[in-house]
Amino acid sequence: MLQAQIFIDKDELKGVKPLHEFIMNLLIDNGIAGATSVMGYSGFGRHHRLKQPSRLFSFDEASMLITFVDSEEKVKTTLSVLREQYRGGFIITHRVDLW
């Protein structure tokens, strides 16, 4: 099995729909076995600026992680479909064992 992890900003939009909702619906439409989205408390990216949206008076965007698992072929096909419609975010994959 292959697990994919997609890192995005929680407040990012795809058209008028929240991006995380768009991605989750895309995963459902592509028959993915299972997915979870989680909001982060803090994080940083390539610019090494710490974002902490939970702090009082912070204007930082909350980070989100969407993770999903399925067969290697299905994950790669679904990621290709996603990349045709959305070029942002940071995506990684790794092999996992189902117990």
PDB file of N, CA and C in Angstrom:
ATOM      1  N   MET A   1       0.842  -1.180   0.000  1.00  0.00           N
ATOM      2  CA  MET A   1       0.000   0.000   0.000  1.00  0.00           C
ATOM      3  C   MET A   1       0.883   1.239   0.000  1.00  0.00           C
ATOM      4  N   LEU A   2       0.294   2.327  -0.469  1.00  0.00           N
ATOM      5  CA  LEU A   2       1.008   3.590  -0.512  1.00  0.00           C
ATOM      6  C   LEU A   2       0.189   4.629   0.254  1.00  0.00           C
ATOM      7  N   GLN A   3       0.887   5.446   1.037  1.00  0.00           N
ATOM      8  CA  GLN A   3       0.239   6.544   1.747  1.00  0.00           C
ATOM      9  C   GLN A   3       0.721   7.849   1.138  1.00  0.00           C
ATOM     10  N   ALA A   4      -0.207   8.758   0.911  1.00  0.00           N
ATOM     11  CA  ALA A   4       0.134  10.095   0.427  1.00  0.00           C
ATOM     12  C   ALA A   4      -0.217  11.091   1.514  1.00  0.00           C
ATOM     13  N   GLN A   5       0.617  12.120   1.642  1.00  0.00           N
ATOM     14  CA  GLN A   5       0.352  13.195   2.576  1.00  0.00           C
ATOM     15  C   GLN A   5       0.414  14.510   1.802  1.00  0.00           C
ATOM     16  N   ILE A   6      -0.625  15.312   1.946  1.00  0.00           N
ATOM     17  CA  ILE A   6      -0.739  16.583   1.239  1.00  0.00           C
ATOM     18  C   ILE A   6      -0.774  17.692   2.279  1.00  0.00           C
ATOM     19  N   PHE A   7       0.187  18.595   2.213  1.00  0.00           N
ATOM     20  CA  PHE A   7       0.269  19.722   3.144  1.00  0.00           C
ATOM     21  C   PHE A   7      -0.249  20.973   2.439  1.00  0.00           C
ATOM     22  N   ILE A   8      -1.255  21.618   3.026  1.00  0.00           N
ATOM     23  CA  ILE A   8      -1.865  22.816   2.437  1.00  0.00           C
ATOM     24  C   ILE A   8      -2.169  23.822   3.547  1.00  0.00           C
ATOM     25  N   ASP A   9      -2.568  25.038   3.151  1.00  0.00           N
ATOM     26  CA  ASP A   9      -3.081  26.018   4.102  1.00  0.00           C
ATOM     27  C   ASP A   9      -4.581  25.809   4.237  1.00  0.00           C
ATOM     28  N   LYS A  10      -5.084  25.816   5.473  1.00  0.00           N
ATOM     29  CA  LYS A  10      -6.490  25.536   5.735  1.00  0.00           C
ATOM     30  C   LYS A  10      -7.433  26.497   5.009  1.00  0.00           C
ATOM     31  N   ASP A  11      -7.048  27.753   4.895  1.00  0.00           N
ATOM     32  CA  ASP A  11      -7.941  28.754   4.327  1.00  0.00           C
ATOM     33  C   ASP A  11      -7.846  28.886   2.808  1.00  0.00           C
ATOM     34  N   GLU A  12      -7.021  28.052   2.169  1.00  0.00           N
ATOM     35  CA  GLU A  12      -6.882  28.125   0.712  1.00  0.00           C
ATOM     36  C   GLU A  12      -8.160  27.626   0.043  1.00  0.00           C
ATOM     37  N   LEU A  13      -8.490  28.243  -1.079  1.00  0.00           N
ATOM     38  CA  LEU A  13      -9.710  27.900  -1.812  1.00  0.00           C
ATOM     39  C   LEU A  13      -9.383  27.286  -3.163  1.00  0.00           C
ATOM     40  N   LYS A  14     -10.295  26.459  -3.637  1.00  0.00           N
ATOM     41  CA  LYS A  14     -10.290  25.953  -5.018  1.00  0.00           C
ATOM     42  C   LYS A  14     -11.604  26.432  -5.608  1.00  0.00           C
ATOM     43  N   GLY A  15     -11.549  27.535  -6.358  1.00  0.00           N
ATOM     44  CA  GLY A  15     -12.778  28.193  -6.787  1.00  0.00           C
ATOM     45  C   GLY A  15     -13.399  28.862  -5.574  1.00  0.00           C
ATOM     46  N   VAL A  16     -14.642  28.503  -5.254  1.00  0.00           N
ATOM     47  CA  VAL A  16     -15.307  29.055  -4.070  1.00  0.00           C
ATOM     48  C   VAL A  16     -15.350  28.064  -2.918  1.00  0.00           C
ATOM     49  N   LYS A  17     -14.824  26.868  -3.145  1.00  0.00           N
ATOM     50  CA  LYS A  17     -14.871  25.792  -2.146  1.00  0.00           C
ATOM     51  C   LYS A  17     -13.544  25.719  -1.394  1.00  0.00           C
ATOM     52  N   PRO A  18     -13.584  25.441  -0.082  1.00  0.00           N
ATOM     53  CA  PRO A  18     -12.327  25.225   0.646  1.00  0.00           C
ATOM     54  C   PRO A  18     -11.513  24.101  -0.014  1.00  0.00           C
ATOM     55  N   LEU A  19     -10.207  24.332  -0.160  1.00  0.00           N
ATOM     56  CA  LEU A  19      -9.345  23.368  -0.844  1.00  0.00           C
ATOM     57  C   LEU A  19      -9.392  21.999  -0.178  1.00  0.00           C
ATOM     58  N   HIS A  20      -9.365  21.961   1.155  1.00  0.00           N
ATOM     59  CA  HIS A  20      -9.368  20.657   1.834  1.00  0.00           C
ATOM     60  C   HIS A  20     -10.650  19.883   1.527  1.00  0.00           C
ATOM     61  N   GLU A  21     -11.771  20.582   1.391  1.00  0.00           N
ATOM     62  CA  GLU A  21     -13.029  19.932   1.038  1.00  0.00           C
ATOM     63  C   GLU A  21     -12.988  19.431  -0.408  1.00  0.00           C
ATOM     64  N   PHE A  22     -12.436  20.250  -1.305  1.00  0.00           N
ATOM     65  CA  PHE A  22     -12.281  19.854  -2.702  1.00  0.00           C
ATOM     66  C   PHE A  22     -11.444  18.574  -2.808  1.00  0.00           C
ATOM     67  N   ILE A  23     -10.324  18.530  -2.072  1.00  0.00           N
ATOM     68  CA  ILE A  23      -9.439  17.362  -2.136  1.00  0.00           C
ATOM     69  C   ILE A  23     -10.130  16.129  -1.561  1.00  0.00           C
ATOM     70  N   MET A  24     -10.796  16.269  -0.419  1.00  0.00           N
ATOM     71  CA  MET A  24     -11.482  15.121   0.167  1.00  0.00           C
ATOM     72  C   MET A  24     -12.551  14.573  -0.779  1.00  0.00           C
ATOM     73  N   ASN A  25     -13.307  15.461  -1.429  1.00  0.00           N
ATOM     74  CA  ASN A  25     -14.317  15.010  -2.391  1.00  0.00           C
ATOM     75  C   ASN A  25     -13.675  14.331  -3.596  1.00  0.00           C
ATOM     76  N   LEU A  26     -12.524  14.839  -4.046  1.00  0.00           N
ATOM     77  CA  LEU A  26     -11.798  14.206  -5.142  1.00  0.00           C
ATOM     78  C   LEU A  26     -11.368  12.785  -4.748  1.00  0.00           C
ATOM     79  N   LEU A  27     -10.917  12.617  -3.500  1.00  0.00           N
ATOM     80  CA  LEU A  27     -10.510  11.297  -3.022  1.00  0.00           C
ATOM     81  C   LEU A  27     -11.701  10.335  -2.988  1.00  0.00           C
ATOM     82  N   ILE A  28     -12.840  10.826  -2.532  1.00  0.00           N
ATOM     83  CA  ILE A  28     -14.058  10.002  -2.525  1.00  0.00           C
ATOM     84  C   ILE A  28     -14.442   9.627  -3.946  1.00  0.00           C
ATOM     85  N   ASP A  29     -14.446  10.618  -4.846  1.00  0.00           N
ATOM     86  CA  ASP A  29     -14.824  10.370  -6.242  1.00  0.00           C
ATOM     87  C   ASP A  29     -13.901   9.368  -6.930  1.00  0.00           C
ATOM     88  N   ASN A  30     -12.637   9.294  -6.475  1.00  0.00           N
ATOM     89  CA  ASN A  30     -11.681   8.363  -7.061  1.00  0.00           C
ATOM     90  C   ASN A  30     -11.610   7.038  -6.311  1.00  0.00           C
ATOM     91  N   GLY A  31     -12.524   6.818  -5.382  1.00  0.00           N
ATOM     92  CA  GLY A  31     -12.641   5.526  -4.705  1.00  0.00           C
ATOM     93  C   GLY A  31     -11.501   5.187  -3.759  1.00  0.00           C
ATOM     94  N   ILE A  32     -10.852   6.193  -3.195  1.00  0.00           N
ATOM     95  CA  ILE A  32      -9.748   5.949  -2.262  1.00  0.00           C
ATOM     96  C   ILE A  32     -10.264   5.223  -1.028  1.00  0.00           C
ATOM     97  N   ALA A  33      -9.462   4.291  -0.502  1.00  0.00           N
ATOM     98  CA  ALA A  33      -9.871   3.441   0.616  1.00  0.00           C
ATOM     99  C   ALA A  33     -10.159   4.233   1.890  1.00  0.00           C
ATOM    100  N   GLY A  34      -9.340   5.240   2.193  1.00  0.00           N
ATOM    101  CA  GLY A  34      -9.561   6.019   3.408  1.00  0.00           C
ATOM    102  C   GLY A  34      -8.693   7.253   3.428  1.00  0.00           C
ATOM    103  N   ALA A  35      -9.200   8.311   4.088  1.00  0.00           N
ATOM    104  CA  ALA A  35      -8.462   9.574   4.171  1.00  0.00           C
ATOM    105  C   ALA A  35      -8.825  10.284   5.465  1.00  0.00           C
ATOM    106  N   THR A  36      -7.904  11.112   5.926  1.00  0.00           N
ATOM    107  CA  THR A  36      -8.123  11.928   7.118  1.00  0.00           C
ATOM    108  C   THR A  36      -7.516  13.292   6.873  1.00  0.00           C
ATOM    109  N   SER A  37      -8.187  14.338   7.353  1.00  0.00           N
ATOM    110  CA  SER A  37      -7.601  15.679   7.306  1.00  0.00           C
ATOM    111  C   SER A  37      -7.442  16.162   8.745  1.00  0.00           C
ATOM    112  N   VAL A  38      -6.314  16.831   8.987  1.00  0.00           N
ATOM    113  CA  VAL A  38      -5.969  17.284  10.323  1.00  0.00           C
ATOM    114  C   VAL A  38      -5.458  18.715  10.233  1.00  0.00           C
ATOM    115  N   MET A  39      -5.867  19.562  11.179  1.00  0.00           N
ATOM    116  CA  MET A  39      -5.377  20.932  11.207  1.00  0.00           C
ATOM    117  C   MET A  39      -4.183  21.012  12.154  1.00  0.00           C
ATOM    118  N   GLY A  40      -3.144  21.730  11.732  1.00  0.00           N
ATOM    119  CA  GLY A  40      -1.927  21.844  12.524  1.00  0.00           C
ATOM    120  C   GLY A  40      -1.958  23.014  13.492  1.00  0.00           C
ATOM    121  N   TYR A  41      -1.217  22.875  14.579  1.00  0.00           N
ATOM    122  CA  TYR A  41      -1.086  23.949  15.570  1.00  0.00           C
ATOM    123  C   TYR A  41       0.012  24.932  15.196  1.00  0.00           C
ATOM    124  N   SER A  42       1.054  24.428  14.565  1.00  0.00           N
ATOM    125  CA  SER A  42       2.136  25.299  14.108  1.00  0.00           C
ATOM    126  C   SER A  42       2.891  24.560  13.007  1.00  0.00           C
ATOM    127  N   GLY A  43       3.676  25.324  12.259  1.00  0.00           N
ATOM    128  CA  GLY A  43       4.455  24.709  11.193  1.00  0.00           C
ATOM    129  C   GLY A  43       5.264  25.753  10.447  1.00  0.00           C
ATOM    130  N   PHE A  44       6.121  25.259   9.552  1.00  0.00           N
ATOM    131  CA  PHE A  44       6.880  26.148   8.688  1.00  0.00           C
ATOM    132  C   PHE A  44       7.198  25.417   7.407  1.00  0.00           C
ATOM    133  N   GLY A  45       7.520  26.193   6.382  1.00  0.00           N
ATOM    134  CA  GLY A  45       7.843  25.636   5.083  1.00  0.00           C
ATOM    135  C   GLY A  45       9.227  26.062   4.651  1.00  0.00           C
ATOM    136  N   ARG A  46       9.405  26.144   3.342  1.00  0.00           N
ATOM    137  CA  ARG A  46      10.734  26.416   2.797  1.00  0.00           C
ATOM    138  C   ARG A  46      11.300  27.768   3.215  1.00  0.00           C
ATOM    139  N   HIS A  47      10.440  28.719   3.623  1.00  0.00           N
ATOM    140  CA  HIS A  47      10.923  30.041   4.029  1.00  0.00           C
ATOM    141  C   HIS A  47      11.323  30.090   5.503  1.00  0.00           C
ATOM    142  N   HIS A  48      11.118  28.994   6.210  1.00  0.00           N
ATOM    143  CA  HIS A  48      11.487  28.864   7.624  1.00  0.00           C
ATOM    144  C   HIS A  48      10.888  29.950   8.507  1.00  0.00           C
ATOM    145  N   ARG A  49       9.675  30.365   8.195  1.00  0.00           N
ATOM    146  CA  ARG A  49       8.947  31.299   9.056  1.00  0.00           C
ATOM    147  C   ARG A  49       7.900  30.493   9.816  1.00  0.00           C
ATOM    148  N   LEU A  50       8.021  30.467  11.134  1.00  0.00           N
ATOM    149  CA  LEU A  50       7.113  29.682  11.963  1.00  0.00           C
ATOM    150  C   LEU A  50       5.722  30.308  11.939  1.00  0.00           C
ATOM    151  N   LYS A  51       4.732  29.490  11.593  1.00  0.00           N
ATOM    152  CA  LYS A  51       3.337  29.929  11.602  1.00  0.00           C
ATOM    153  C   LYS A  51       2.660  29.305  12.817  1.00  0.00           C
ATOM    154  N   GLN A  52       2.019  30.139  13.623  1.00  0.00           N
ATOM    155  CA  GLN A  52       1.329  29.660  14.818  1.00  0.00           C
ATOM    156  C   GLN A  52      -0.058  30.299  14.881  1.00  0.00           C
ATOM    157  N   PRO A  53      -1.003  29.768  14.123  1.00  0.00           N
ATOM    158  CA  PRO A  53      -2.324  30.390  14.036  1.00  0.00           C
ATOM    159  C   PRO A  53      -3.119  30.356  15.325  1.00  0.00           C
ATOM    160  N   SER A  54      -2.766  29.496  16.260  1.00  0.00           N
ATOM    161  CA  SER A  54      -3.530  29.395  17.496  1.00  0.00           C
ATOM    162  C   SER A  54      -3.156  30.478  18.502  1.00  0.00           C
ATOM    163  N   ARG A  55      -2.092  31.225  18.247  1.00  0.00           N
ATOM    164  CA  ARG A  55      -1.683  32.297  19.150  1.00  0.00           C
ATOM    165  C   ARG A  55      -2.663  33.458  19.064  1.00  0.00           C
ATOM    166  N   LEU A  56      -2.871  34.131  20.166  1.00  0.00           N
ATOM    167  CA  LEU A  56      -3.761  35.274  20.228  1.00  0.00           C
ATOM    168  C   LEU A  56      -3.276  36.365  19.268  1.00  0.00           C
ATOM    169  N   PHE A  57      -4.180  36.915  18.473  1.00  0.00           N
ATOM    170  CA  PHE A  57      -3.914  37.991  17.505  1.00  0.00           C
ATOM    171  C   PHE A  57      -2.972  37.556  16.377  1.00  0.00           C
ATOM    172  N   SER A  58      -2.975  36.309  16.033  1.00  0.00           N
ATOM    173  CA  SER A  58      -2.134  35.828  14.938  1.00  0.00           C
ATOM    174  C   SER A  58      -2.901  35.893  13.619  1.00  0.00           C
ATOM    175  N   PHE A  59      -2.234  36.345  12.569  1.00  0.00           N
ATOM    176  CA  PHE A  59      -2.831  36.348  11.242  1.00  0.00           C
ATOM    177  C   PHE A  59      -2.308  35.188  10.391  1.00  0.00           C
ATOM    178  N   ASP A  60      -1.584  34.262  11.020  1.00  0.00           N
ATOM    179  CA  ASP A  60      -1.040  33.117  10.300  1.00  0.00           C
ATOM    180  C   ASP A  60      -2.158  32.188   9.838  1.00  0.00           C
ATOM    181  N   GLU A  61      -1.961  31.592   8.669  1.00  0.00           N
ATOM    182  CA  GLU A  61      -2.897  30.593   8.172  1.00  0.00           C
ATOM    183  C   GLU A  61      -2.586  29.256   8.829  1.00  0.00           C
ATOM    184  N   ALA A  62      -3.629  28.564   9.230  1.00  0.00           N
ATOM    185  CA  ALA A  62      -3.431  27.242   9.807  1.00  0.00           C
ATOM    186  C   ALA A  62      -3.009  26.267   8.716  1.00  0.00           C
ATOM    187  N   SER A  63      -2.079  25.388   9.063  1.00  0.00           N
ATOM    188  CA  SER A  63      -1.676  24.360   8.107  1.00  0.00           C
ATOM    189  C   SER A  63      -2.617  23.170   8.246  1.00  0.00           C
ATOM    190  N   MET A  64      -2.759  22.425   7.167  1.00  0.00           N
ATOM    191  CA  MET A  64      -3.576  21.205   7.184  1.00  0.00           C
ATOM    192  C   MET A  64      -2.781  20.085   6.548  1.00  0.00           C
ATOM    193  N   LEU A  65      -3.055  18.895   7.021  1.00  0.00           N
ATOM    194  CA  LEU A  65      -2.479  17.693   6.439  1.00  0.00           C
ATOM    195  C   LEU A  65      -3.632  16.785   6.042  1.00  0.00           C
ATOM    196  N   ILE A  66      -3.644  16.393   4.795  1.00  0.00           N
ATOM    197  CA  ILE A  66      -4.595  15.391   4.321  1.00  0.00           C
ATOM    198  C   ILE A  66      -3.778  14.158   4.000  1.00  0.00           C
ATOM    199  N   THR A  67      -4.126  13.060   4.617  1.00  0.00           N
ATOM    200  CA  THR A  67      -3.391  11.817   4.383  1.00  0.00           C
ATOM    201  C   THR A  67      -4.371  10.746   3.909  1.00  0.00           C
ATOM    202  N   PHE A  68      -3.929   9.941   2.954  1.00  0.00           N
ATOM    203  CA  PHE A  68      -4.794   8.861   2.470  1.00  0.00           C
ATOM    204  C   PHE A  68      -3.964   7.660   2.037  1.00  0.00           C
ATOM    205  N   VAL A  69      -4.611   6.500   2.045  1.00  0.00           N
ATOM    206  CA  VAL A  69      -3.936   5.249   1.694  1.00  0.00           C
ATOM    207  C   VAL A  69      -4.778   4.438   0.715  1.00  0.00           C
ATOM    208  N   ASP A  70      -4.080   3.697  -0.120  1.00  0.00           N
ATOM    209  CA  ASP A  70      -4.723   2.762  -1.042  1.00  0.00           C
ATOM    210  C   ASP A  70      -3.601   2.010  -1.756  1.00  0.00           C
ATOM    211  N   SER A  71      -3.951   1.275  -2.789  1.00  0.00           N
ATOM    212  CA  SER A  71      -2.928   0.594  -3.577  1.00  0.00           C
ATOM    213  C   SER A  71      -2.026   1.641  -4.228  1.00  0.00           C
ATOM    214  N   GLU A  72      -0.795   1.245  -4.528  1.00  0.00           N
ATOM    215  CA  GLU A  72       0.157   2.179  -5.135  1.00  0.00           C
ATOM    216  C   GLU A  72      -0.390   2.767  -6.425  1.00  0.00           C
ATOM    217  N   GLU A  73      -0.974   1.934  -7.258  1.00  0.00           N
ATOM    218  CA  GLU A  73      -1.508   2.391  -8.544  1.00  0.00           C
ATOM    219  C   GLU A  73      -2.625   3.416  -8.351  1.00  0.00           C
ATOM    220  N   LYS A  74      -3.542   3.136  -7.410  1.00  0.00           N
ATOM    221  CA  LYS A  74      -4.671   4.031  -7.186  1.00  0.00           C
ATOM    222  C   LYS A  74      -4.220   5.373  -6.605  1.00  0.00           C
ATOM    223  N   VAL A  75      -3.255   5.348  -5.687  1.00  0.00           N
ATOM    224  CA  VAL A  75      -2.743   6.594  -5.099  1.00  0.00           C
ATOM    225  C   VAL A  75      -2.073   7.439  -6.170  1.00  0.00           C
ATOM    226  N   LYS A  76      -1.214   6.831  -6.975  1.00  0.00           N
ATOM    227  CA  LYS A  76      -0.507   7.592  -8.011  1.00  0.00           C
ATOM    228  C   LYS A  76      -1.466   8.142  -9.061  1.00  0.00           C
ATOM    229  N   THR A  77      -2.466   7.365  -9.438  1.00  0.00           N
ATOM    230  CA  THR A  77      -3.468   7.829 -10.402  1.00  0.00           C
ATOM    231  C   THR A  77      -4.251   9.007  -9.830  1.00  0.00           C
ATOM    232  N   THR A  78      -4.647   8.896  -8.578  1.00  0.00           N
ATOM    233  CA  THR A  78      -5.412   9.964  -7.930  1.00  0.00           C
ATOM    234  C   THR A  78      -4.578  11.228  -7.776  1.00  0.00           C
ATOM    235  N   LEU A  79      -3.298  11.084  -7.423  1.00  0.00           N
ATOM    236  CA  LEU A  79      -2.424  12.261  -7.323  1.00  0.00           C
ATOM    237  C   LEU A  79      -2.247  12.931  -8.677  1.00  0.00           C
ATOM    238  N   SER A  80      -2.199  12.151  -9.743  1.00  0.00           N
ATOM    239  CA  SER A  80      -2.112  12.727 -11.099  1.00  0.00           C
ATOM    240  C   SER A  80      -3.368  13.527 -11.420  1.00  0.00           C
ATOM    241  N   VAL A  81      -4.528  12.984 -11.055  1.00  0.00           N
ATOM    242  CA  VAL A  81      -5.794  13.699 -11.268  1.00  0.00           C
ATOM    243  C   VAL A  81      -5.799  14.996 -10.459  1.00  0.00           C
ATOM    244  N   LEU A  82      -5.347  14.932  -9.208  1.00  0.00           N
ATOM    245  CA  LEU A  82      -5.285  16.129  -8.370  1.00  0.00           C
ATOM    246  C   LEU A  82      -4.362  17.178  -8.981  1.00  0.00           C
ATOM    247  N   ARG A  83      -3.178  16.750  -9.432  1.00  0.00           N
ATOM    248  CA  ARG A  83      -2.206  17.697  -9.997  1.00  0.00           C
ATOM    249  C   ARG A  83      -2.711  18.358 -11.286  1.00  0.00           C
ATOM    250  N   GLU A  84      -3.603  17.702 -12.001  1.00  0.00           N
ATOM    251  CA  GLU A  84      -4.197  18.329 -13.191  1.00  0.00           C
ATOM    252  C   GLU A  84      -5.096  19.500 -12.796  1.00  0.00           C
ATOM    253  N   GLN A  85      -5.642  19.454 -11.577  1.00  0.00           N
ATOM    254  CA  GLN A  85      -6.599  20.467 -11.142  1.00  0.00           C
ATOM    255  C   GLN A  85      -6.033  21.436 -10.110  1.00  0.00           C
ATOM    256  N   TYR A  86      -4.930  21.066  -9.449  1.00  0.00           N
ATOM    257  CA  TYR A  86      -4.346  21.898  -8.398  1.00  0.00           C
ATOM    258  C   TYR A  86      -2.844  21.672  -8.364  1.00  0.00           C
ATOM    259  N   ARG A  87      -2.065  22.746  -8.529  1.00  0.00           N
ATOM    260  CA  ARG A  87      -0.607  22.617  -8.613  1.00  0.00           C
ATOM    261  C   ARG A  87       0.117  22.949  -7.312  1.00  0.00           C
ATOM    262  N   GLY A  88      -0.572  23.483  -6.318  1.00  0.00           N
ATOM    263  CA  GLY A  88       0.073  23.920  -5.077  1.00  0.00           C
ATOM    264  C   GLY A  88       0.239  22.801  -4.071  1.00  0.00           C
ATOM    265  N   GLY A  89       0.516  23.221  -2.843  1.00  0.00           N
ATOM    266  CA  GLY A  89       0.684  22.267  -1.753  1.00  0.00           C
ATOM    267  C   GLY A  89       2.009  21.531  -1.848  1.00  0.00           C
ATOM    268  N   PHE A  90       2.236  20.691  -0.884  1.00  0.00           N
ATOM    269  CA  PHE A  90       3.445  19.872  -0.810  1.00  0.00           C
ATOM    270  C   PHE A  90       2.978  18.446  -0.596  1.00  0.00           C
ATOM    271  N   ILE A  91       3.360  17.544  -1.485  1.00  0.00           N
ATOM    272  CA  ILE A  91       2.859  16.171  -1.429  1.00  0.00           C
ATOM    273  C   ILE A  91       4.031  15.205  -1.303  1.00  0.00           C
ATOM    274  N   ILE A  92       3.900  14.267  -0.366  1.00  0.00           N
ATOM    275  CA  ILE A  92       4.881  13.192  -0.238  1.00  0.00           C
ATOM    276  C   ILE A  92       4.140  11.857  -0.220  1.00  0.00           C
ATOM    277  N   THR A  93       4.848  10.804  -0.584  1.00  0.00           N
ATOM    278  CA  THR A  93       4.287   9.455  -0.496  1.00  0.00           C
ATOM    279  C   THR A  93       5.317   8.527   0.139  1.00  0.00           C
ATOM    280  N   HIS A  94       4.805   7.478   0.747  1.00  0.00           N
ATOM    281  CA  HIS A  94       5.679   6.424   1.249  1.00  0.00           C
ATOM    282  C   HIS A  94       4.886   5.127   1.391  1.00  0.00           C
ATOM    283  N   ARG A  95       5.612   4.030   1.285  1.00  0.00           N
ATOM    284  CA  ARG A  95       4.982   2.718   1.380  1.00  0.00           C
ATOM    285  C   ARG A  95       4.633   2.416   2.841  1.00  0.00           C
ATOM    286  N   VAL A  96       3.482   1.769   3.021  1.00  0.00           N
ATOM    287  CA  VAL A  96       3.043   1.390   4.353  1.00  0.00           C
ATOM    288  C   VAL A  96       2.546  -0.048   4.324  1.00  0.00           C
ATOM    289  N   ASP A  97       2.551  -0.677   5.474  1.00  0.00           N
ATOM    290  CA  ASP A  97       2.008  -2.025   5.630  1.00  0.00           C
ATOM    291  C   ASP A  97       0.660  -1.934   6.315  1.00  0.00           C
ATOM    292  N   LEU A  98      -0.302  -2.699   5.843  1.00  0.00           N
ATOM    293  CA  LEU A  98      -1.607  -2.771   6.454  1.00  0.00           C
ATOM    294  C   LEU A  98      -1.601  -3.941   7.434  1.00  0.00           C
ATOM    295  N   TRP A  99      -1.924  -3.661   8.661  1.00  0.00           N
ATOM    296  CA  TRP A  99      -1.938  -4.718   9.697  1.00  0.00           C
ATOM    297  C   TRP A  99      -3.331  -5.080  10.075  1.00  0.00           C
TER     298      TRP A  99
END
